[in-house]
Structures are given as C-alpha cells and as structure tokens.
C-alpha atoms as a PDB file:
ATOM      1  CA  UNK A   1      72.018  78.578 121.125  1.00  0.00           C
ATOM      2  CA  UNK A   2      73.170  76.982 124.357  1.00  0.00           C
ATOM      3  CA  UNK A   3      75.693  78.771 126.588  1.00  0.00           C
ATOM      4  CA  UNK A   4      78.301  76.177 125.534  1.00  0.00           C
ATOM      5  CA  UNK A   5      77.668  76.853 121.859  1.00  0.00           C
ATOM      6  CA  UNK A   6      77.896  80.594 122.452  1.00  0.00           C
ATOM      7  CA  UNK A   7      81.194  80.211 124.289  1.00  0.00           C
ATOM      8  CA  UNK A   8      82.634  78.038 121.481  1.00  0.00           C
ATOM      9  CA  UNK A   9      81.460  80.605 118.939  1.00  0.00           C
ATOM     10  CA  UNK A  10      83.035  83.447 120.968  1.00  0.00           C
ATOM     11  CA  UNK A  11      86.344  81.540 121.220  1.00  0.00           C
ATOM     12  CA  UNK A  12      86.299  80.988 117.476  1.00  0.00           C
ATOM     13  CA  UNK A  13      85.549  84.676 116.855  1.00  0.00           C
ATOM     14  CA  UNK A  14      88.407  85.788 119.082  1.00  0.00           C
ATOM     15  CA  UNK A  15      90.839  83.405 117.458  1.00  0.00           C
ATOM     16  CA  UNK A  16      89.854  83.814 113.808  1.00  0.00           C
ATOM     17  CA  UNK A  17      88.887  87.498 113.647  1.00  0.00           C
ATOM     18  CA  UNK A  18      90.809  89.207 116.427  1.00  0.00           C
ATOM     19  CA  UNK A  19      93.971  87.085 116.709  1.00  0.00           C
ATOM     20  CA  UNK A  20      94.428  85.792 113.144  1.00  0.00           C
ATOM     21  CA  UNK A  21      92.968  89.010 111.639  1.00  0.00           C
ATOM     22  CA  UNK A  22      90.750  87.071 109.233  1.00  0.00           C
ATOM     23  CA  UNK A  23      88.288  89.859 108.557  1.00  0.00           C
ATOM     24  CA  UNK A  24      86.746  87.922 105.671  1.00  0.00           C
ATOM     25  CA  UNK A  25      84.732  85.867 108.222  1.00  0.00           C
ATOM     26  CA  UNK A  26      83.295  88.851 110.138  1.00  0.00           C
ATOM     27  CA  UNK A  27      79.882  88.290 108.484  1.00  0.00           C
ATOM     28  CA  UNK A  28      79.721  84.863 110.218  1.00  0.00           C
ATOM     29  CA  UNK A  29      79.754  86.584 113.605  1.00  0.00           C
ATOM     30  CA  UNK A  30      78.339  90.112 113.147  1.00  0.00           C
ATOM     31  CA  UNK A  31      74.681  90.614 112.139  1.00  0.00           C
ATOM     32  CA  UNK A  32      73.727  93.098 109.394  1.00  0.00           C
ATOM     33  CA  UNK A  33      71.908  95.250 112.014  1.00  0.00           C
ATOM     34  CA  UNK A  34      74.944  95.289 114.358  1.00  0.00           C
ATOM     35  CA  UNK A  35      75.492  98.433 116.482  1.00  0.00           C
ATOM     36  CA  UNK A  36      78.390  99.138 118.820  1.00  0.00           C
ATOM     37  CA  UNK A  37      76.751 101.230 121.503  1.00  0.00           C
ATOM     38  CA  UNK A  38      78.406 104.440 122.674  1.00  0.00           C
ATOM     39  CA  UNK A  39      80.748 104.578 119.668  1.00  0.00           C
ATOM     40  CA  UNK A  40      81.432 107.874 117.962  1.00  0.00           C
ATOM     41  CA  UNK A  41      81.085 107.829 115.054  1.00  0.00           C
ATOM     42  CA  UNK A  42      78.587 104.926 115.164  1.00  0.00           C
ATOM     43  CA  UNK A  43      80.009 101.522 114.251  1.00  0.00           C
ATOM     44  CA  UNK A  44      77.283  99.646 112.399  1.00  0.00           C
ATOM     45  CA  UNK A  45      76.992  96.370 110.510  1.00  0.00           C
ATOM     46  CA  UNK A  46      79.727  93.928 109.467  1.00  0.00           C
ATOM     47  CA  UNK A  47      81.469  96.520 107.265  1.00  0.00           C
ATOM     48  CA  UNK A  48      81.632  99.025 110.105  1.00  0.00           C
ATOM     49  CA  UNK A  49      82.992  96.353 112.430  1.00  0.00           C
ATOM     50  CA  UNK A  50      85.643  95.376 109.850  1.00  0.00           C
ATOM     51  CA  UNK A  51      86.748  99.026 109.568  1.00  0.00           C
ATOM     52  CA  UNK A  52      86.849  99.290 113.384  1.00  0.00           C
ATOM     53  CA  UNK A  53      89.179  96.244 113.594  1.00  0.00           C
ATOM     54  CA  UNK A  54      91.283  97.422 110.638  1.00  0.00           C
ATOM     55  CA  UNK A  55      91.861 100.693 112.500  1.00  0.00           C
ATOM     56  CA  UNK A  56      92.999  98.847 115.612  1.00  0.00           C
ATOM     57  CA  UNK A  57      95.359  96.672 113.555  1.00  0.00           C
ATOM     58  CA  UNK A  58      97.082  99.737 112.031  1.00  0.00           C
ATOM     59  CA  UNK A  59      97.945 100.878 115.550  1.00  0.00           C
ATOM     60  CA  UNK A  60      98.517  97.466 117.170  1.00  0.00           C
ATOM     61  CA  UNK A  61      99.259  94.988 114.349  1.00  0.00           C
ATOM     62  CA  UNK A  62     100.309  92.134 116.637  1.00  0.00           C
ATOM     63  CA  UNK A  63      97.357  92.483 119.091  1.00  0.00           C
ATOM     64  CA  UNK A  64      96.522  89.237 120.822  1.00  0.00           C
ATOM     65  CA  UNK A  65      93.253  88.698 122.738  1.00  0.00           C
ATOM     66  CA  UNK A  66      92.705  86.219 125.533  1.00  0.00           C
ATOM     67  CA  UNK A  67      89.252  85.174 126.743  1.00  0.00           C
ATOM     68  CA  UNK A  68      89.488  85.379 130.502  1.00  0.00           C
ATOM     69  CA  UNK A  69      85.919  84.643 131.568  1.00  0.00           C
ATOM     70  CA  UNK A  70      82.606  84.005 129.792  1.00  0.00           C
ATOM     71  CA  UNK A  71      78.908  84.139 130.753  1.00  0.00           C
ATOM     72  CA  UNK A  72      75.779  83.527 128.712  1.00  0.00           C
ATOM     73  CA  UNK A  73      72.139  84.005 129.729  1.00  0.00           C
ATOM     74  CA  UNK A  74      69.453  83.802 127.062  1.00  0.00           C
ATOM     75  CA  UNK A  75      70.409  86.047 124.172  1.00  0.00           C
ATOM     76  CA  UNK A  76      73.023  87.992 126.148  1.00  0.00           C
ATOM     77  CA  UNK A  77      76.689  87.117 126.560  1.00  0.00           C
ATOM     78  CA  UNK A  78      79.357  88.820 128.596  1.00  0.00           C
ATOM     79  CA  UNK A  79      83.050  88.156 128.698  1.00  0.00           C
ATOM     80  CA  UNK A  80      86.203  89.513 130.194  1.00  0.00           C
ATOM     81  CA  UNK A  81      89.205  89.739 127.941  1.00  0.00           C
ATOM     82  CA  UNK A  82      92.809  90.825 128.068  1.00  0.00           C
ATOM     83  CA  UNK A  83      95.199  91.903 125.331  1.00  0.00           C
ATOM     84  CA  UNK A  84      98.839  92.416 124.695  1.00  0.00           C
ATOM     85  CA  UNK A  85     100.018  94.431 121.712  1.00  0.00           C
ATOM     86  CA  UNK A  86     102.900  96.509 120.351  1.00  0.00           C
ATOM     87  CA  UNK A  87     102.188 100.167 119.567  1.00  0.00           C
ATOM     88  CA  UNK A  88     103.304 100.532 115.921  1.00  0.00           C
ATOM     89  CA  UNK A  89     100.904 103.151 114.560  1.00  0.00           C
ATOM     90  CA  UNK A  90      99.747 106.607 115.580  1.00  0.00           C
ATOM     91  CA  UNK A  91      97.006 106.535 118.213  1.00  0.00           C
ATOM     92  CA  UNK A  92      95.264 109.871 118.459  1.00  0.00           C
ATOM     93  CA  UNK A  93      98.219 112.294 118.805  1.00  0.00           C
ATOM     94  CA  UNK A  94     100.674 109.658 120.059  1.00  0.00           C
ATOM     95  CA  UNK A  95     103.062 108.471 117.308  1.00  0.00           C
ATOM     96  CA  UNK A  96     104.222 104.865 117.313  1.00  0.00           C
ATOM     97  CA  UNK A  97     106.376 104.145 120.350  1.00  0.00           C
ATOM     98  CA  UNK A  98     107.197 100.437 119.862  1.00  0.00           C
ATOM     99  CA  UNK A  99     106.061  99.871 123.440  1.00  0.00           C
ATOM    100  CA  UNK A 100     104.165  96.790 124.504  1.00  0.00           C
ATOM    101  CA  UNK A 101     100.800  97.534 126.122  1.00  0.00           C
ATOM    102  CA  UNK A 102      98.454  95.425 128.088  1.00  0.00           C
ATOM    103  CA  UNK A 103      94.742  96.081 128.613  1.00  0.00           C
ATOM    104  CA  UNK A 104      91.689  94.378 130.032  1.00  0.00           C
ATOM    105  CA  UNK A 105      88.029  94.883 129.334  1.00  0.00           C
ATOM    106  CA  UNK A 106      84.509  93.575 129.268  1.00  0.00           C
ATOM    107  CA  UNK A 107      82.124  93.086 126.384  1.00  0.00           C
ATOM    108  CA  UNK A 108      78.387  92.612 126.770  1.00  0.00           C
ATOM    109  CA  UNK A 109      76.642  91.453 123.622  1.00  0.00           C
ATOM    110  CA  UNK A 110      73.089  90.781 122.492  1.00  0.00           C
ATOM    111  CA  UNK A 111      73.027  87.891 119.990  1.00  0.00           C
ATOM    112  CA  UNK A 112      70.337  86.681 117.587  1.00  0.00           C
ATOM    113  CA  UNK A 113      69.097  83.085 117.189  1.00  0.00           C
ATOM    114  CA  UNK A 114      72.061  82.279 114.912  1.00  0.00           C
ATOM    115  CA  UNK A 115      74.492  83.534 117.582  1.00  0.00           C
ATOM    116  CA  UNK A 116      75.488  86.629 115.561  1.00  0.00           C
ATOM    117  CA  UNK A 117      76.141  89.799 117.536  1.00  0.00           C
ATOM    118  CA  UNK A 118      73.412  92.367 117.045  1.00  0.00           C
ATOM    119  CA  UNK A 119      74.491  94.931 119.620  1.00  0.00           C
ATOM    120  CA  UNK A 120      77.352  95.281 122.058  1.00  0.00           C
ATOM    121  CA  UNK A 121      78.963  97.437 124.706  1.00  0.00           C
ATOM    122  CA  UNK A 122      82.750  97.471 125.209  1.00  0.00           C
ATOM    123  CA  UNK A 123      84.639  98.825 128.182  1.00  0.00           C
ATOM    124  CA  UNK A 124      88.379  98.949 128.633  1.00  0.00           C
ATOM    125  CA  UNK A 125      91.075 101.047 130.281  1.00  0.00           C
ATOM    126  CA  UNK A 126      91.961 103.601 127.602  1.00  0.00           C
ATOM    127  CA  UNK A 127      93.640 105.866 130.180  1.00  0.00           C
ATOM    128  CA  UNK A 128      95.811 102.928 131.230  1.00  0.00           C
ATOM    129  CA  UNK A 129      96.922 102.487 127.630  1.00  0.00           C
ATOM    130  CA  UNK A 130      97.733 106.214 127.391  1.00  0.00           C
ATOM    131  CA  UNK A 131      99.844 105.947 130.527  1.00  0.00           C
ATOM    132  CA  UNK A 132     101.688 102.878 129.180  1.00  0.00           C
ATOM    133  CA  UNK A 133     102.510 104.814 126.012  1.00  0.00           C
ATOM    134  CA  UNK A 134     103.709 107.881 127.906  1.00  0.00           C
ATOM    135  CA  UNK A 135     100.755 110.031 126.850  1.00  0.00           C
ATOM    136  CA  UNK A 136      99.694 110.676 130.438  1.00  0.00           C
ATOM    137  CA  UNK A 137     101.737 110.765 133.615  1.00  0.00           C
ATOM    138  CA  UNK A 138     101.409 107.831 135.962  1.00  0.00           C
ATOM    139  CA  UNK A 139      99.760 108.946 139.185  1.00  0.00           C
ATOM    140  CA  UNK A 140     101.996 108.749 142.246  1.00  0.00           C
ATOM    141  CA  UNK A 141     100.922 108.197 145.786  1.00  0.00           C
ATOM    142  CA  UNK A 142     100.942 111.311 147.923  1.00  0.00           C
ATOM    143  CA  UNK A 143     101.813 111.121 151.585  1.00  0.00           C
ATOM    144  CA  UNK A 144      98.885 111.394 153.934  1.00  0.00           C
END
C-alpha cells in the first residue's frame, strides 16, 4: 500500500474503532497474528485488541483520539496521537474521578500487504495521566 493509502486507512481506524468505538470492524485493521509488543499480559490477535480497547473504554468511555502526525516507509508506519477523555472507571487503584485527562503518544506499526497491523509498539505518558488524576504529586521546581 502507498503511504497515502496507509494514512487514509489509519485515519479510518482512528475514527471508526477508537472514536466511534465500533469494535466490530477491528478485524479489518488488525491481522490474526497481531502482537502488541511490551504488553503484559500479551495482547494478541483481533480478539485481544478488542479486549484491550474495551478495557480502555470502561475507564475512559468518551475517549477521543486525534492523529497529529503520520509517517509511512515500506511496511512500517508511525504516528503521533493525542487524546482527551473523562476518567469514569477505576484505573489501577484510582477510582473514577470525573476529571478530564489529556495524553500524547506515538505508535509504530508493522503492517502486512493488506495494510493490517501485524505488530506494534505504543508509548504514552502514563505518569502524566496519574498526575492529572491525583494519583501522583506534580513535581515542583526547587530553587537552585
């Protein structure tokens, strides 16, 4: 697929799956052999991905993703994203706060010839989310 086709496909994925929460179409975007690297427990295949997103939606039911930047080279894509969401479910040991959180991150994906994601790495600012929810103190500047 061309970089333009991959970008269009990524935009469609973000809108349909992540923003509209249409998990019925996950198989159109996630390959059967999918693996989210560095996840514990491992997130594998379309069913594992669906469960991963369902878990996020319990905590942040109104989550909204924005595609901030996109790159594609060969069978690899990378994109920066940002989110805004309301904390309405327990996250770890933090009960729902009703607070709005914002986060940013980067996803690097390996895609197959059909443009389905086979493998990906996700980074974001989990500590920043904890701070926004009051689960960690916000660092303060100390005088020099």
